Amino acid sequence: MSEQMLLDTLRRSGGLEAVSRDLGITPAAAIAGAEAMLPAILGGFRKQAEAAGGGETGLAGMIEMLGRHGGGALAANVMGPEPTNITRGNGVLGEIFGSADVSRTLAADVAARTGIDQATLKQMLPRLAMLVGGYLSARAMGSGQLGGVSEILSGSGGGLGRLLDLDGDGNPLDDIIDMAGKLFK
């Protein structure tokens, strides 16, 4: 599954509409922000899986981590009628990015590239992490297999993901972390 297919899934499921409503932004802005941040979020999940041992062991460790933060209920919280508990999303971001500096750098970079307000992107990021994390959890639990999750995480980056992936290794997160380190010394 490519990043575009995941974005389409998040749009069709109502997740991006919920983000739009929650933040008081247009659906088009929610889609543009999600499209721009999705490569880094998926890169963070890939790094999390690699850090947990790689392969099925790493994927299982990543799904376990998501379970500690709410699993499939992460996405339901964003899309449900109750206020979104972004503490859960910030917890996921802390696990996959390792530092709030990475989130700030990502929001600043995406704001410069898309024209979406940086403060709005900072609010969108934990919600998007919850949607993606909830989707990955539900997919792993629903199928009972990690293959579908592996397919999502190994999808090749396109569009803005390629622009963010400065070293061309297929994962823009390491480049964003490097930028954060330089900006927040």
Protein backbone atom coordinates (compact mmCIF):
# COMPACT_ATOMS: atom_id res chain seq x y z
CA MET A 1 0.00 0.00 0.00
CA SER A 2 1.43 3.34 -0.99
CA GLU A 3 1.27 6.55 1.02
CA GLN A 4 -1.35 7.77 -1.46
CA MET A 5 -3.50 4.70 -0.84
CA LEU A 6 -3.21 5.23 2.93
CA LEU A 7 -4.14 8.89 2.47
CA ASP A 8 -7.16 7.81 0.42
CA THR A 9 -8.12 5.35 3.16
CA LEU A 10 -7.89 8.06 5.81
CA ARG A 11 -10.00 10.35 3.65
CA ARG A 12 -12.65 7.70 2.84
CA SER A 13 -12.89 6.59 6.48
CA GLY A 14 -13.78 10.10 7.59
CA GLY A 15 -10.57 10.54 9.55
CA LEU A 16 -9.37 13.59 7.67
CA GLU A 17 -12.84 15.12 7.79
CA ALA A 18 -12.77 14.66 11.57
CA VAL A 19 -9.37 16.42 11.72
CA SER A 20 -10.78 19.22 9.57
CA ARG A 21 -13.78 19.63 11.87
CA ASP A 22 -11.71 19.32 15.06
CA LEU A 23 -9.24 22.01 13.98
CA GLY A 24 -11.71 24.27 12.17
CA ILE A 25 -9.85 24.05 8.86
CA THR A 26 -11.05 23.21 5.38
CA PRO A 27 -11.04 19.58 4.30
CA ALA A 28 -8.59 20.55 1.55
CA ALA A 29 -6.15 21.92 4.15
CA ALA A 30 -6.49 18.74 6.23
CA ILE A 31 -5.74 16.61 3.18
CA ALA A 32 -2.78 18.78 2.13
CA GLY A 33 -1.32 18.73 5.65
CA ALA A 34 -1.80 14.97 5.95
CA GLU A 35 -0.26 14.35 2.54
CA ALA A 36 2.78 16.43 3.49
CA MET A 37 3.28 14.88 6.95
CA LEU A 38 2.43 11.27 6.16
CA PRO A 39 5.90 10.34 4.79
CA ALA A 40 7.59 11.43 8.03
CA ILE A 41 4.99 9.70 10.21
CA LEU A 42 5.34 6.44 8.29
CA GLY A 43 9.12 6.88 8.45
CA GLY A 44 8.82 7.19 12.22
CA PHE A 45 6.81 4.00 12.41
CA ARG A 46 9.42 2.26 10.22
CA LYS A 47 12.21 3.44 12.53
CA GLN A 48 10.19 2.26 15.55
CA ALA A 49 9.79 -1.19 14.00
CA GLU A 50 13.51 -1.33 13.15
CA ALA A 51 14.46 -0.27 16.68
CA ALA A 52 12.24 -3.04 18.05
CA GLY A 53 14.25 -5.65 16.17
CA GLY A 54 13.13 -5.37 12.56
CA GLY A 55 11.12 -7.93 10.63
CA GLU A 56 8.03 -9.44 12.25
CA THR A 57 9.56 -9.01 15.71
CA GLY A 58 9.95 -5.27 15.12
CA LEU A 59 6.45 -4.95 13.70
CA ALA A 60 5.04 -6.84 16.68
CA GLY A 61 6.95 -4.50 19.02
CA MET A 62 5.58 -1.47 17.19
CA ILE A 63 2.01 -2.82 17.37
CA GLU A 64 2.55 -3.49 21.09
CA MET A 65 3.70 0.12 21.55
CA LEU A 66 0.58 1.36 19.75
CA GLY A 67 -1.51 -0.88 22.00
CA ARG A 68 -0.08 0.88 25.06
CA HIS A 69 -1.34 4.16 23.60
CA GLY A 70 -4.79 2.85 22.65
CA GLY A 71 -4.33 0.64 19.57
CA GLY A 72 -7.23 0.83 17.14
CA ALA A 73 -9.07 3.13 19.56
CA LEU A 74 -6.59 5.86 18.63
CA ALA A 75 -8.32 6.42 15.31
CA ALA A 76 -11.76 6.02 16.88
CA ASN A 77 -10.93 8.79 19.36
CA VAL A 78 -10.12 11.21 16.53
CA MET A 79 -13.26 10.31 14.59
CA GLY A 80 -15.64 9.96 17.52
CA PRO A 81 -17.89 12.57 19.09
CA GLU A 82 -15.81 13.04 22.25
CA PRO A 83 -12.92 15.53 22.28
CA THR A 84 -9.71 14.07 20.88
CA ASN A 85 -7.25 13.13 23.60
CA ILE A 86 -4.12 14.42 21.87
CA THR A 87 -2.00 13.27 24.81
CA ARG A 88 -2.26 9.82 23.24
CA GLY A 89 -1.12 11.20 19.87
CA ASN A 90 1.75 13.06 21.48
CA GLY A 91 2.74 9.81 23.20
CA VAL A 92 2.85 8.04 19.84
CA LEU A 93 4.87 10.90 18.34
CA GLY A 94 7.31 10.71 21.24
CA GLU A 95 7.80 7.01 20.54
CA ILE A 96 8.25 7.31 16.78
CA PHE A 97 10.15 10.61 16.62
CA GLY A 98 11.99 10.51 19.94
CA SER A 99 11.90 14.28 20.42
CA ALA A 100 9.42 17.14 20.27
CA ASP A 101 12.04 18.97 18.22
CA VAL A 102 11.35 16.60 15.33
CA SER A 103 7.64 17.44 15.43
CA ARG A 104 8.39 21.16 15.50
CA THR A 105 10.83 20.86 12.60
CA LEU A 106 8.36 18.80 10.59
CA ALA A 107 5.58 21.34 11.18
CA ALA A 108 7.86 24.24 10.22
CA ASP A 109 9.05 22.48 7.06
CA VAL A 110 5.54 21.50 5.98
CA ALA A 111 4.24 25.02 6.72
CA ALA A 112 6.93 26.47 4.46
CA ARG A 113 6.11 24.01 1.69
CA THR A 114 2.30 24.10 1.87
CA GLY A 115 1.43 27.53 3.27
CA ILE A 116 -0.63 25.93 6.05
CA ASP A 117 -0.19 27.69 9.38
CA GLN A 118 2.54 26.05 11.49
CA ALA A 119 0.40 26.17 14.65
CA THR A 120 -2.38 24.30 12.82
CA LEU A 121 0.10 21.68 11.63
CA LYS A 122 1.40 21.21 15.20
CA GLN A 123 -2.19 20.48 16.26
CA MET A 124 -2.77 18.21 13.26
CA LEU A 125 0.32 16.08 13.79
CA PRO A 126 -0.80 14.14 16.91
CA ARG A 127 -4.24 13.57 15.39
CA LEU A 128 -2.70 12.23 12.21
CA ALA A 129 -0.35 9.99 14.23
CA MET A 130 -3.43 8.65 16.02
CA LEU A 131 -5.26 7.97 12.76
CA VAL A 132 -2.30 6.18 11.22
CA GLY A 133 -1.41 4.31 14.43
CA GLY A 134 -5.00 3.27 14.95
CA TYR A 135 -5.26 2.09 11.37
CA LEU A 136 -2.02 0.09 11.61
CA SER A 137 -3.19 -1.48 14.88
CA ALA A 138 -6.61 -2.35 13.56
CA ARG A 139 -5.14 -3.79 10.39
CA ALA A 140 -2.69 -5.97 12.33
CA MET A 141 -5.32 -7.13 14.80
CA GLY A 142 -8.04 -7.62 12.19
CA SER A 143 -5.94 -9.82 9.95
CA GLY A 144 -4.03 -11.49 12.75
CA GLN A 145 -0.94 -11.00 10.61
CA LEU A 146 1.69 -8.33 10.34
CA GLY A 147 2.13 -8.59 6.56
CA GLY A 148 -0.38 -5.86 5.81
CA VAL A 149 1.35 -3.50 8.23
CA SER A 150 4.73 -4.32 6.70
CA GLU A 151 3.32 -3.53 3.26
CA ILE A 152 2.15 -0.10 4.43
CA LEU A 153 5.43 0.77 6.08
CA SER A 154 7.53 -0.35 3.13
CA GLY A 155 5.55 1.75 0.63
CA SER A 156 7.78 4.01 -1.40
CA GLY A 157 7.50 7.72 -0.74
CA GLY A 158 6.10 9.96 -3.39
CA GLY A 159 5.53 13.65 -3.84
CA LEU A 160 6.52 15.67 -0.80
CA GLY A 161 8.03 12.57 0.81
CA ARG A 162 10.71 12.54 -1.85
CA LEU A 163 11.42 16.23 -1.23
CA LEU A 164 11.82 15.62 2.50
CA ASP A 165 14.03 12.57 1.92
CA LEU A 166 17.22 14.54 1.35
CA ASP A 167 19.58 11.56 1.39
CA GLY A 168 17.37 9.38 -0.81
CA ASP A 169 17.26 6.42 1.60
CA GLY A 170 13.46 6.10 1.37
CA ASN A 171 12.82 7.43 4.88
CA PRO A 172 12.51 11.22 5.29
CA LEU A 173 12.42 10.97 9.10
CA ASP A 174 16.20 10.71 9.47
CA ASP A 175 16.60 13.92 7.46
CA ILE A 176 14.01 15.71 9.59
CA ILE A 177 15.76 14.54 12.77
CA ASP A 178 19.04 15.84 11.36
CA MET A 179 17.41 19.22 10.60
CA ALA A 180 15.94 19.34 14.11
CA GLY A 181 19.35 18.67 15.62
CA LYS A 182 20.82 21.58 13.69
CA LEU A 183 17.96 23.96 14.48
CA PHE A 184 17.58 23.18 18.18
CA LYS A 185 21.19 22.98 19.39
